[in-house]
Amino acid sequence: MIQSLFAVGLSLQGTAAIIGERRVVDRIQDAVNEIDRAIGDLRSYIFGLRPHVLASTRGLGEALDQIAHEFQSTTGVTTVVELDESLEEPLAANAVHIIQLAREALSNVGRHARAQTCRVSLRRHSGSGLLEIDDDGQGFDVTDASGRSGMGLANLRSRTASIGGDLEITSVPGEGTTVRISLRL
């Protein structure tokens, strides 16, 4: 897909080179810029699907540290990780899913939140494990997004349900967002 999009972009640039009308050339360049953005998004999404992050680490906590560090390096959003290491063993069977949940939530922060800071927390709460990702970004109206949510929120809901967890998203426009995923131990 990336190669095909790149070829379309090159074709459009070639077309722009033979057209003399500035308005048309500008519109074609805008389309090429959108294709470049889509290629970047696609590469980020493919990068985010890497389940082997656990294979290169010693466990869930280290994997969460690694993806938070990668997220901070990529986006510039200051990201803090708080981990209860005693949860690694009870959550080991779902570690890949937990990593993907954290990655998807961070991806949403990077794409939509315009946040300065973000926190990834894995701790015990009311007899369960609690994965929490919160940010200080622009927030959104959760009730407005529930009927037309994009793939990011749908992926969070689906993956959480697949491991028997509970998902709660709270957000206030202008005040940030918190994603809470309760995990059975």
Protein backbone atom coordinates (compact mmCIF):
# COMPACT_ATOMS: atom_id res chain seq x y z
CA MET A 1 0.00 0.00 0.00
CA ILE A 2 2.81 2.40 0.85
CA GLN A 3 4.49 1.80 -2.52
CA SER A 4 1.19 2.37 -4.34
CA LEU A 5 0.50 5.60 -2.48
CA PHE A 6 4.05 6.77 -3.15
CA ALA A 7 3.61 6.06 -6.89
CA VAL A 8 0.35 8.05 -6.96
CA GLY A 9 2.13 10.94 -5.26
CA LEU A 10 4.95 10.88 -7.81
CA SER A 11 2.42 10.78 -10.66
CA LEU A 12 0.62 13.79 -9.23
CA GLN A 13 3.90 15.68 -8.87
CA GLY A 14 4.70 14.90 -12.50
CA THR A 15 1.30 16.19 -13.54
CA ALA A 16 1.82 19.37 -11.52
CA ALA A 17 5.12 19.95 -13.33
CA ILE A 18 3.40 20.15 -16.74
CA ILE A 19 0.46 22.31 -15.65
CA GLY A 20 0.95 26.03 -15.75
CA GLU A 21 -1.99 27.17 -13.67
CA ARG A 22 -0.79 27.99 -10.14
CA ARG A 23 -4.14 27.21 -8.47
CA VAL A 24 -4.21 23.69 -9.91
CA VAL A 25 -0.54 23.10 -9.02
CA ASP A 26 -1.24 24.19 -5.43
CA ARG A 27 -4.22 21.81 -5.16
CA ILE A 28 -2.13 18.94 -6.53
CA GLN A 29 0.62 19.72 -4.02
CA ASP A 30 -1.95 19.70 -1.22
CA ALA A 31 -3.05 16.24 -2.38
CA VAL A 32 0.58 15.05 -2.45
CA ASN A 33 1.06 16.37 1.10
CA GLU A 34 -2.03 14.42 2.21
CA ILE A 35 -0.66 11.26 0.59
CA ASP A 36 2.64 11.79 2.43
CA ARG A 37 0.73 12.21 5.69
CA ALA A 38 -1.25 9.02 4.99
CA ILE A 39 2.00 7.14 4.30
CA GLY A 40 3.38 8.39 7.62
CA ASP A 41 0.21 7.31 9.44
CA LEU A 42 0.32 3.92 7.76
CA ARG A 43 3.96 3.41 8.74
CA SER A 44 3.13 4.38 12.33
CA TYR A 45 0.20 1.99 12.39
CA ILE A 46 2.31 -0.88 11.00
CA PHE A 47 5.02 -0.08 13.56
CA GLY A 48 2.36 -0.17 16.28
CA LEU A 49 1.29 -3.70 15.39
CA ARG A 50 4.62 -5.22 16.46
CA PRO A 51 3.63 -7.79 19.08
CA HIS A 52 7.25 -8.89 19.42
CA VAL A 53 8.04 -6.01 21.79
CA LEU A 54 7.71 -8.52 24.65
CA ALA A 55 10.28 -10.83 23.07
CA SER A 56 12.93 -8.12 23.26
CA THR A 57 12.18 -7.28 26.90
CA ARG A 58 12.07 -9.14 30.19
CA GLY A 59 8.39 -8.62 30.84
CA LEU A 60 5.29 -6.50 30.78
CA GLY A 61 6.72 -3.61 32.81
CA GLU A 62 9.81 -3.28 30.65
CA ALA A 63 7.68 -3.50 27.49
CA LEU A 64 5.42 -0.68 28.74
CA ASP A 65 8.52 1.38 29.54
CA GLN A 66 9.83 0.74 26.03
CA ILE A 67 6.66 1.76 24.19
CA ALA A 68 6.27 4.85 26.40
CA HIS A 69 9.86 5.83 25.61
CA GLU A 70 9.26 5.26 21.87
CA PHE A 71 6.06 7.31 22.08
CA GLN A 72 7.83 10.18 23.82
CA SER A 73 10.69 10.10 21.30
CA THR A 74 8.30 10.08 18.35
CA THR A 75 5.79 12.68 19.54
CA GLY A 76 7.68 14.88 21.98
CA VAL A 77 4.94 14.33 24.58
CA THR A 78 6.54 13.95 28.01
CA THR A 79 5.49 10.45 29.10
CA VAL A 80 5.75 9.06 32.63
CA VAL A 81 5.34 5.37 33.45
CA GLU A 82 4.17 4.09 36.85
CA LEU A 83 4.21 0.32 37.31
CA ASP A 84 3.31 -2.12 40.05
CA GLU A 85 5.78 -4.89 39.19
CA SER A 86 3.81 -7.39 41.27
CA LEU A 87 1.23 -7.43 38.44
CA GLU A 88 3.60 -8.89 35.85
CA GLU A 89 3.00 -12.52 36.76
CA PRO A 90 -0.80 -12.40 37.20
CA LEU A 91 -1.19 -10.51 33.90
CA ALA A 92 1.42 -12.46 31.90
CA ALA A 93 -1.17 -14.43 29.91
CA ASN A 94 -2.60 -11.18 28.52
CA ALA A 95 0.66 -9.23 28.26
CA VAL A 96 0.55 -8.91 24.45
CA HIS A 97 -3.01 -7.57 24.63
CA ILE A 98 -2.09 -5.13 27.41
CA ILE A 99 0.85 -3.82 25.38
CA GLN A 100 -1.40 -3.35 22.34
CA LEU A 101 -4.02 -1.58 24.48
CA ALA A 102 -1.40 0.82 25.82
CA ARG A 103 0.01 1.33 22.33
CA GLU A 104 -3.44 2.08 20.87
CA ALA A 105 -4.26 4.53 23.67
CA LEU A 106 -0.90 6.27 23.21
CA SER A 107 -1.46 6.38 19.47
CA ASN A 108 -4.77 8.17 20.09
CA VAL A 109 -2.98 10.66 22.35
CA GLY A 110 -0.38 11.28 19.66
CA ARG A 111 -2.91 11.73 16.87
CA HIS A 112 -5.65 13.69 18.61
CA ALA A 113 -4.85 15.07 22.06
CA ARG A 114 -2.29 17.82 21.42
CA ALA A 115 -0.99 16.91 24.87
CA GLN A 116 2.15 18.13 26.60
CA THR A 117 2.28 15.27 29.10
CA CYS A 118 0.94 11.76 29.36
CA ARG A 119 1.01 9.06 32.04
CA VAL A 120 0.90 5.28 31.62
CA SER A 121 0.05 3.49 34.85
CA LEU A 122 -0.39 -0.19 35.68
CA ARG A 123 -1.48 -0.75 39.27
CA ARG A 124 -3.81 -2.70 41.52
CA HIS A 125 -7.27 -1.30 42.09
CA SER A 126 -10.24 -2.98 43.79
CA GLY A 127 -8.84 -6.48 43.33
CA SER A 128 -8.06 -6.00 39.63
CA GLY A 129 -5.21 -4.71 37.54
CA LEU A 130 -5.79 -1.20 36.22
CA LEU A 131 -4.11 0.05 33.09
CA GLU A 132 -4.56 3.80 32.88
CA ILE A 133 -3.39 6.20 30.21
CA ASP A 134 -4.14 9.87 30.80
CA ASP A 135 -3.09 13.08 29.12
CA ASP A 136 -3.38 16.82 29.57
CA GLY A 137 -4.52 17.42 26.00
CA GLN A 138 -7.54 19.03 24.42
CA GLY A 139 -9.99 16.28 25.42
CA PHE A 140 -13.23 15.57 23.59
CA ASP A 141 -16.90 14.98 24.18
CA VAL A 142 -17.11 11.23 24.89
CA THR A 143 -20.89 11.15 24.36
CA ASP A 144 -20.50 12.74 20.93
CA ALA A 145 -17.72 10.30 19.95
CA SER A 146 -19.52 7.13 21.10
CA GLY A 147 -21.73 6.85 18.04
CA ARG A 148 -19.08 7.64 15.46
CA SER A 149 -15.83 6.56 17.06
CA GLY A 150 -12.86 5.94 14.84
CA MET A 151 -10.83 2.78 14.69
CA GLY A 152 -8.73 3.75 17.73
CA LEU A 153 -11.61 3.69 20.23
CA ALA A 154 -13.21 0.70 18.49
CA ASN A 155 -9.92 -1.21 18.73
CA LEU A 156 -9.66 -0.39 22.44
CA ARG A 157 -13.20 -1.61 23.08
CA SER A 158 -12.76 -4.80 21.08
CA ARG A 159 -9.40 -5.80 22.53
CA THR A 160 -10.51 -5.01 26.10
CA ALA A 161 -13.63 -7.15 25.65
CA SER A 162 -11.56 -10.00 24.15
CA ILE A 163 -9.63 -10.39 27.42
CA GLY A 164 -12.64 -9.91 29.69
CA GLY A 165 -11.67 -6.42 30.78
CA ASP A 166 -13.71 -3.28 31.29
CA LEU A 167 -13.00 -0.04 29.45
CA GLU A 168 -13.87 3.42 30.73
CA ILE A 169 -12.99 6.61 28.88
CA THR A 170 -13.42 9.97 30.56
CA SER A 171 -12.64 13.24 28.88
CA VAL A 172 -13.47 16.88 29.24
CA PRO A 173 -12.92 19.22 26.29
CA GLY A 174 -9.93 21.39 27.10
CA GLU A 175 -8.89 19.29 30.11
CA GLY A 176 -7.56 15.99 28.75
CA THR A 177 -8.57 12.35 28.56
CA THR A 178 -8.21 9.26 30.75
CA VAL A 179 -8.48 5.71 29.45
CA ARG A 180 -9.03 3.13 32.24
CA ILE A 181 -8.90 -0.58 31.52
CA SER A 182 -9.75 -2.89 34.38
CA LEU A 183 -8.06 -6.28 34.02
CA ARG A 184 -8.98 -9.49 35.82
CA LEU A 185 -6.12 -10.99 37.79
